[in-house]
Amino acid sequence: MPTTPSPRAKRLIVYVASNVRRLRLAQGLTQEDLAEYCGLDPAYIARVERGATNLTVGSLGEIADGLDVPPGRLLRPAPMHSIQRGRPKTKAKKRR
């Protein structure tokens, strides 16, 4: 039976959402690119960025690896910004 996250957990989910989106866009990656690097579904990445899922520690690690940052960086306090639709303005560099 699903439980409702505590207020603290909700804040952490927002921090992760904001940091994942900011770092992904800074690297010029689409959600599909990041999902491929992480081995996760693009729809899951979208839910993470919206703060609509309470991700596992394993998923946090996979996303951090896909962004090439330490997992703790995704937990840093960060405000949720309004979302602009569309692809990143910069082209991603090919990795792997």
C-alpha atoms as a PDB file:
ATOM      1  CA  MET A   1       0.000   0.000   0.000  1.00  0.00           C
ATOM      2  CA  PRO A   2       1.576   3.323  -1.078  1.00  0.00           C
ATOM      3  CA  THR A   3       2.342   5.864   1.581  1.00  0.00           C
ATOM      4  CA  THR A   4       2.346   9.627   1.257  1.00  0.00           C
ATOM      5  CA  PRO A   5       5.860  11.092   1.478  1.00  0.00           C
ATOM      6  CA  SER A   6       6.596  13.234   4.519  1.00  0.00           C
ATOM      7  CA  PRO A   7       7.075  16.993   4.052  1.00  0.00           C
ATOM      8  CA  ARG A   8      10.844  16.494   4.223  1.00  0.00           C
ATOM      9  CA  ALA A   9      10.723  13.731   1.601  1.00  0.00           C
ATOM     10  CA  LYS A  10       8.592  15.989  -0.625  1.00  0.00           C
ATOM     11  CA  ARG A  11      11.244  18.724  -0.384  1.00  0.00           C
ATOM     12  CA  LEU A  12      13.966  16.241  -1.350  1.00  0.00           C
ATOM     13  CA  ILE A  13      11.896  15.045  -4.319  1.00  0.00           C
ATOM     14  CA  VAL A  14      11.600  18.674  -5.497  1.00  0.00           C
ATOM     15  CA  TYR A  15      15.358  19.186  -5.052  1.00  0.00           C
ATOM     16  CA  VAL A  16      16.118  16.097  -7.122  1.00  0.00           C
ATOM     17  CA  ALA A  17      13.585  17.113  -9.786  1.00  0.00           C
ATOM     18  CA  SER A  18      15.028  20.595 -10.105  1.00  0.00           C
ATOM     19  CA  ASN A  19      18.650  19.456 -10.094  1.00  0.00           C
ATOM     20  CA  VAL A  20      18.113  16.686 -12.648  1.00  0.00           C
ATOM     21  CA  ARG A  21      16.361  19.063 -15.037  1.00  0.00           C
ATOM     22  CA  ARG A  22      18.925  21.858 -14.568  1.00  0.00           C
ATOM     23  CA  LEU A  23      21.919  19.554 -15.047  1.00  0.00           C
ATOM     24  CA  ARG A  24      20.338  17.771 -18.017  1.00  0.00           C
ATOM     25  CA  LEU A  25      19.627  21.050 -19.788  1.00  0.00           C
ATOM     26  CA  ALA A  26      23.082  22.432 -18.959  1.00  0.00           C
ATOM     27  CA  GLN A  27      24.547  19.401 -20.719  1.00  0.00           C
ATOM     28  CA  GLY A  28      22.244  19.872 -23.708  1.00  0.00           C
ATOM     29  CA  LEU A  29      20.573  16.507 -23.189  1.00  0.00           C
ATOM     30  CA  THR A  30      16.998  15.546 -23.962  1.00  0.00           C
ATOM     31  CA  GLN A  31      15.074  13.388 -21.538  1.00  0.00           C
ATOM     32  CA  GLU A  32      15.488  10.572 -24.062  1.00  0.00           C
ATOM     33  CA  ASP A  33      19.284  11.042 -24.087  1.00  0.00           C
ATOM     34  CA  LEU A  34      19.456  10.950 -20.305  1.00  0.00           C
ATOM     35  CA  ALA A  35      17.174   7.911 -20.145  1.00  0.00           C
ATOM     36  CA  GLU A  36      19.456   6.081 -22.578  1.00  0.00           C
ATOM     37  CA  TYR A  37      22.576   6.957 -20.548  1.00  0.00           C
ATOM     38  CA  CYS A  38      20.848   5.796 -17.342  1.00  0.00           C
ATOM     39  CA  GLY A  39      19.163   2.706 -18.699  1.00  0.00           C
ATOM     40  CA  LEU A  40      15.799   4.057 -17.549  1.00  0.00           C
ATOM     41  CA  ASP A  41      12.545   4.797 -19.345  1.00  0.00           C
ATOM     42  CA  PRO A  42      12.138   8.347 -20.738  1.00  0.00           C
ATOM     43  CA  ALA A  43       8.683   8.565 -19.122  1.00  0.00           C
ATOM     44  CA  TYR A  44      10.309   7.819 -15.751  1.00  0.00           C
ATOM     45  CA  ILE A  45      12.843  10.633 -16.289  1.00  0.00           C
ATOM     46  CA  ALA A  46       9.922  12.965 -17.090  1.00  0.00           C
ATOM     47  CA  ARG A  47       8.147  11.967 -13.842  1.00  0.00           C
ATOM     48  CA  VAL A  48      11.364  12.509 -11.864  1.00  0.00           C
ATOM     49  CA  GLU A  49      11.775  16.004 -13.350  1.00  0.00           C
ATOM     50  CA  ARG A  50       8.192  16.907 -12.486  1.00  0.00           C
ATOM     51  CA  GLY A  51       8.655  15.663  -8.921  1.00  0.00           C
ATOM     52  CA  ALA A  52       5.877  13.170  -9.540  1.00  0.00           C
ATOM     53  CA  THR A  53       7.723  10.078  -8.333  1.00  0.00           C
ATOM     54  CA  ASN A  54       9.490   9.069  -5.154  1.00  0.00           C
ATOM     55  CA  LEU A  55      12.581   7.544  -6.729  1.00  0.00           C
ATOM     56  CA  THR A  56      14.692   4.800  -5.201  1.00  0.00           C
ATOM     57  CA  VAL A  57      18.307   5.170  -4.143  1.00  0.00           C
ATOM     58  CA  GLY A  58      19.232   2.905  -7.065  1.00  0.00           C
ATOM     59  CA  SER A  59      17.468   5.159  -9.557  1.00  0.00           C
ATOM     60  CA  LEU A  60      19.077   8.221  -7.989  1.00  0.00           C
ATOM     61  CA  GLY A  61      22.470   6.595  -8.542  1.00  0.00           C
ATOM     62  CA  GLU A  62      21.662   5.652 -12.143  1.00  0.00           C
ATOM     63  CA  ILE A  63      20.537   9.203 -12.943  1.00  0.00           C
ATOM     64  CA  ALA A  64      23.613  10.680 -11.264  1.00  0.00           C
ATOM     65  CA  ASP A  65      25.815   8.354 -13.332  1.00  0.00           C
ATOM     66  CA  GLY A  66      23.941   9.361 -16.494  1.00  0.00           C
ATOM     67  CA  LEU A  67      24.602  13.014 -15.676  1.00  0.00           C
ATOM     68  CA  ASP A  68      28.196  12.218 -14.639  1.00  0.00           C
ATOM     69  CA  VAL A  69      27.781  13.831 -11.197  1.00  0.00           C
ATOM     70  CA  PRO A  70      27.968  12.445  -7.643  1.00  0.00           C
ATOM     71  CA  PRO A  71      24.535  11.381  -6.307  1.00  0.00           C
ATOM     72  CA  GLY A  72      24.741  13.941  -3.493  1.00  0.00           C
ATOM     73  CA  ARG A  73      24.697  16.746  -6.032  1.00  0.00           C
ATOM     74  CA  LEU A  74      21.120  15.829  -6.924  1.00  0.00           C
ATOM     75  CA  LEU A  75      20.042  16.298  -3.305  1.00  0.00           C
ATOM     76  CA  ARG A  76      21.246  19.883  -2.952  1.00  0.00           C
ATOM     77  CA  PRO A  77      18.538  22.434  -2.180  1.00  0.00           C
ATOM     78  CA  ALA A  78      17.179  23.914  -5.388  1.00  0.00           C
ATOM     79  CA  PRO A  79      13.909  25.648  -6.231  1.00  0.00           C
ATOM     80  CA  MET A  80      11.564  24.213  -8.831  1.00  0.00           C
ATOM     81  CA  HIS A  81      11.454  26.536 -11.818  1.00  0.00           C
ATOM     82  CA  SER A  82       8.734  26.813 -14.400  1.00  0.00           C
ATOM     83  CA  ILE A  83       9.124  24.312 -17.188  1.00  0.00           C
ATOM     84  CA  GLN A  84       9.595  25.428 -20.754  1.00  0.00           C
ATOM     85  CA  ARG A  85       8.549  22.870 -23.304  1.00  0.00           C
ATOM     86  CA  GLY A  86      10.788  21.838 -26.164  1.00  0.00           C
ATOM     87  CA  ARG A  87      14.263  20.546 -26.755  1.00  0.00           C
ATOM     88  CA  PRO A  88      17.397  21.973 -25.116  1.00  0.00           C
ATOM     89  CA  LYS A  89      18.865  24.925 -26.994  1.00  0.00           C
ATOM     90  CA  THR A  90      22.381  23.472 -27.080  1.00  0.00           C
ATOM     91  CA  LYS A  91      23.319  20.287 -28.835  1.00  0.00           C
ATOM     92  CA  ALA A  92      24.521  17.448 -26.628  1.00  0.00           C
ATOM     93  CA  LYS A  93      27.981  16.070 -27.121  1.00  0.00           C
ATOM     94  CA  LYS A  94      28.037  12.388 -28.004  1.00  0.00           C
ATOM     95  CA  ARG A  95      29.023  10.261 -25.052  1.00  0.00           C
ATOM     96  CA  ARG A  96      29.882   6.612 -24.643  1.00  0.00           C
END
